Amino acid sequence: MNHSLSLSECVGEIRFESGRARVFATIDADYHADRHEVEVARKAYIAPNDMQHITEHRETTWLPAGSVVTAGCDAYEASDVARDIFHSWVRRVKE
């Protein structure tokens, strides 16, 4: 990982009275060479499917709250560590 990595995955779709929305799990990861650790900000949100509101991201109380996770590693491992954290986050959001 050079210095940062962003990943996002649509983990499902839900239906509301006003329409449909997609559920996303995302991370933004940064490697800090001075601390030899990767810092991963996790977030889950819904995004409406209609074209007028497609860029709106809404957090809800029934999705897991976002958080920041850190893991000690060397630079060459940072990308793999961030991806492992992302995949575990996706599983949690799906539950």
C-alpha atoms as a PDB file:
ATOM      1  CA  MET A   1       0.000   0.000   0.000  1.00  0.00           C
ATOM      2  CA  ASN A   2       1.546   3.312  -1.007  1.00  0.00           C
ATOM      3  CA  HIS A   3       0.018   5.510   1.645  1.00  0.00           C
ATOM      4  CA  SER A   4      -3.736   5.177   1.393  1.00  0.00           C
ATOM      5  CA  LEU A   5      -6.404   2.788   0.182  1.00  0.00           C
ATOM      6  CA  SER A   6     -10.171   3.186  -0.171  1.00  0.00           C
ATOM      7  CA  LEU A   7     -12.507   0.238  -0.675  1.00  0.00           C
ATOM      8  CA  SER A   8     -16.276   0.071  -0.980  1.00  0.00           C
ATOM      9  CA  GLU A   9     -18.747  -2.748  -1.545  1.00  0.00           C
ATOM     10  CA  CYS A  10     -22.495  -2.829  -2.010  1.00  0.00           C
ATOM     11  CA  VAL A  11     -23.641  -5.504   0.442  1.00  0.00           C
ATOM     12  CA  GLY A  12     -27.362  -5.459  -0.281  1.00  0.00           C
ATOM     13  CA  GLU A  13     -30.472  -3.558  -1.170  1.00  0.00           C
ATOM     14  CA  ILE A  14     -33.413  -2.524   0.974  1.00  0.00           C
ATOM     15  CA  ARG A  15     -36.869  -1.238   0.203  1.00  0.00           C
ATOM     16  CA  PHE A  16     -38.522   1.785   1.788  1.00  0.00           C
ATOM     17  CA  GLU A  17     -41.996   3.232   1.313  1.00  0.00           C
ATOM     18  CA  SER A  18     -40.386   5.960  -0.803  1.00  0.00           C
ATOM     19  CA  GLY A  19     -38.215   3.648  -2.890  1.00  0.00           C
ATOM     20  CA  ARG A  20     -35.110   1.484  -2.725  1.00  0.00           C
ATOM     21  CA  ALA A  21     -31.614   2.015  -1.388  1.00  0.00           C
ATOM     22  CA  ARG A  22     -28.320   0.154  -1.509  1.00  0.00           C
ATOM     23  CA  VAL A  23     -26.333  -0.706   1.618  1.00  0.00           C
ATOM     24  CA  PHE A  24     -22.577  -0.044   1.455  1.00  0.00           C
ATOM     25  CA  ALA A  25     -19.579  -0.979   3.574  1.00  0.00           C
ATOM     26  CA  THR A  26     -16.488   1.199   3.055  1.00  0.00           C
ATOM     27  CA  ILE A  27     -13.018   1.770   4.444  1.00  0.00           C
ATOM     28  CA  ASP A  28     -10.375   4.454   4.082  1.00  0.00           C
ATOM     29  CA  ALA A  29      -6.951   3.210   5.143  1.00  0.00           C
ATOM     30  CA  ASP A  30      -3.701   5.115   5.674  1.00  0.00           C
ATOM     31  CA  TYR A  31      -0.294   3.677   6.456  1.00  0.00           C
ATOM     32  CA  HIS A  32       1.808   5.597   8.993  1.00  0.00           C
ATOM     33  CA  ALA A  33       5.451   4.666   8.428  1.00  0.00           C
ATOM     34  CA  ASP A  34       6.615   6.514  11.537  1.00  0.00           C
ATOM     35  CA  ARG A  35       4.366   4.315  13.705  1.00  0.00           C
ATOM     36  CA  HIS A  36       4.557   1.156  11.537  1.00  0.00           C
ATOM     37  CA  GLU A  37       0.784   0.827  11.553  1.00  0.00           C
ATOM     38  CA  VAL A  38      -2.175   1.010   9.262  1.00  0.00           C
ATOM     39  CA  GLU A  39      -5.186   3.072  10.372  1.00  0.00           C
ATOM     40  CA  VAL A  40      -8.515   2.017   8.887  1.00  0.00           C
ATOM     41  CA  ALA A  41     -11.681   4.125   9.126  1.00  0.00           C
ATOM     42  CA  ARG A  42     -14.763   1.916   8.666  1.00  0.00           C
ATOM     43  CA  LYS A  43     -18.180   3.207   7.655  1.00  0.00           C
ATOM     44  CA  ALA A  44     -21.553   1.753   6.644  1.00  0.00           C
ATOM     45  CA  TYR A  45     -24.337   3.713   4.983  1.00  0.00           C
ATOM     46  CA  ILE A  46     -27.300   3.535   2.643  1.00  0.00           C
ATOM     47  CA  ALA A  47     -27.581   5.328  -0.697  1.00  0.00           C
ATOM     48  CA  PRO A  48     -30.915   5.833  -2.495  1.00  0.00           C
ATOM     49  CA  ASN A  49     -31.220   4.214  -5.925  1.00  0.00           C
ATOM     50  CA  ASP A  50     -33.067   7.092  -7.573  1.00  0.00           C
ATOM     51  CA  MET A  51     -30.915   9.335  -9.766  1.00  0.00           C
ATOM     52  CA  GLN A  52     -31.895  12.553  -7.956  1.00  0.00           C
ATOM     53  CA  HIS A  53     -30.448  11.366  -4.639  1.00  0.00           C
ATOM     54  CA  ILE A  54     -27.887   8.757  -5.685  1.00  0.00           C
ATOM     55  CA  THR A  55     -24.932  10.681  -4.204  1.00  0.00           C
ATOM     56  CA  GLU A  56     -26.578  11.020  -0.779  1.00  0.00           C
ATOM     57  CA  HIS A  57     -25.142   8.787   1.925  1.00  0.00           C
ATOM     58  CA  ARG A  58     -27.300   8.220   4.979  1.00  0.00           C
ATOM     59  CA  GLU A  59     -26.263   6.497   8.163  1.00  0.00           C
ATOM     60  CA  THR A  60     -28.875   4.568  10.109  1.00  0.00           C
ATOM     61  CA  THR A  61     -29.147   3.191  13.616  1.00  0.00           C
ATOM     62  CA  TRP A  62     -29.598  -0.394  12.416  1.00  0.00           C
ATOM     63  CA  LEU A  63     -26.224  -0.499  10.644  1.00  0.00           C
ATOM     64  CA  PRO A  64     -23.062  -0.948  12.716  1.00  0.00           C
ATOM     65  CA  ALA A  65     -21.513   2.344  13.759  1.00  0.00           C
ATOM     66  CA  GLY A  66     -18.364   3.387  11.968  1.00  0.00           C
ATOM     67  CA  SER A  67     -15.059   3.252  13.790  1.00  0.00           C
ATOM     68  CA  VAL A  68     -11.307   3.462  13.361  1.00  0.00           C
ATOM     69  CA  VAL A  69      -9.136   0.357  13.681  1.00  0.00           C
ATOM     70  CA  THR A  70      -5.344   0.344  13.837  1.00  0.00           C
ATOM     71  CA  ALA A  71      -3.006  -2.578  13.243  1.00  0.00           C
ATOM     72  CA  GLY A  72       0.761  -2.740  13.558  1.00  0.00           C
ATOM     73  CA  CYS A  73       2.513  -3.875  10.374  1.00  0.00           C
ATOM     74  CA  ASP A  74       5.289  -3.113   7.944  1.00  0.00           C
ATOM     75  CA  ALA A  75       4.652  -1.113   4.786  1.00  0.00           C
ATOM     76  CA  TYR A  76       4.661  -4.182   2.518  1.00  0.00           C
ATOM     77  CA  GLU A  77       1.876  -5.786   4.629  1.00  0.00           C
ATOM     78  CA  ALA A  78      -0.341  -2.703   4.942  1.00  0.00           C
ATOM     79  CA  SER A  79      -2.491  -3.334   1.882  1.00  0.00           C
ATOM     80  CA  ASP A  80      -3.210  -6.949   2.875  1.00  0.00           C
ATOM     81  CA  VAL A  81      -3.985  -5.942   6.463  1.00  0.00           C
ATOM     82  CA  ALA A  82      -6.368  -3.201   5.283  1.00  0.00           C
ATOM     83  CA  ARG A  83      -8.107  -5.632   2.920  1.00  0.00           C
ATOM     84  CA  ASP A  84      -8.516  -8.205   5.717  1.00  0.00           C
ATOM     85  CA  ILE A  85     -10.092  -5.537   7.923  1.00  0.00           C
ATOM     86  CA  PHE A  86     -12.352  -4.536   5.029  1.00  0.00           C
ATOM     87  CA  HIS A  87     -13.548  -8.102   4.413  1.00  0.00           C
ATOM     88  CA  SER A  88     -14.337  -8.596   8.080  1.00  0.00           C
ATOM     89  CA  TRP A  89     -16.211  -5.255   8.071  1.00  0.00           C
ATOM     90  CA  VAL A  90     -18.250  -6.342   5.033  1.00  0.00           C
ATOM     91  CA  ARG A  91     -19.254  -9.552   6.849  1.00  0.00           C
ATOM     92  CA  ARG A  92     -20.320  -7.556   9.901  1.00  0.00           C
ATOM     93  CA  VAL A  93     -22.400  -5.089   7.866  1.00  0.00           C
ATOM     94  CA  LYS A  94     -24.092  -7.969   6.029  1.00  0.00           C
ATOM     95  CA  GLU A  95     -25.158  -9.515   9.354  1.00  0.00           C
END
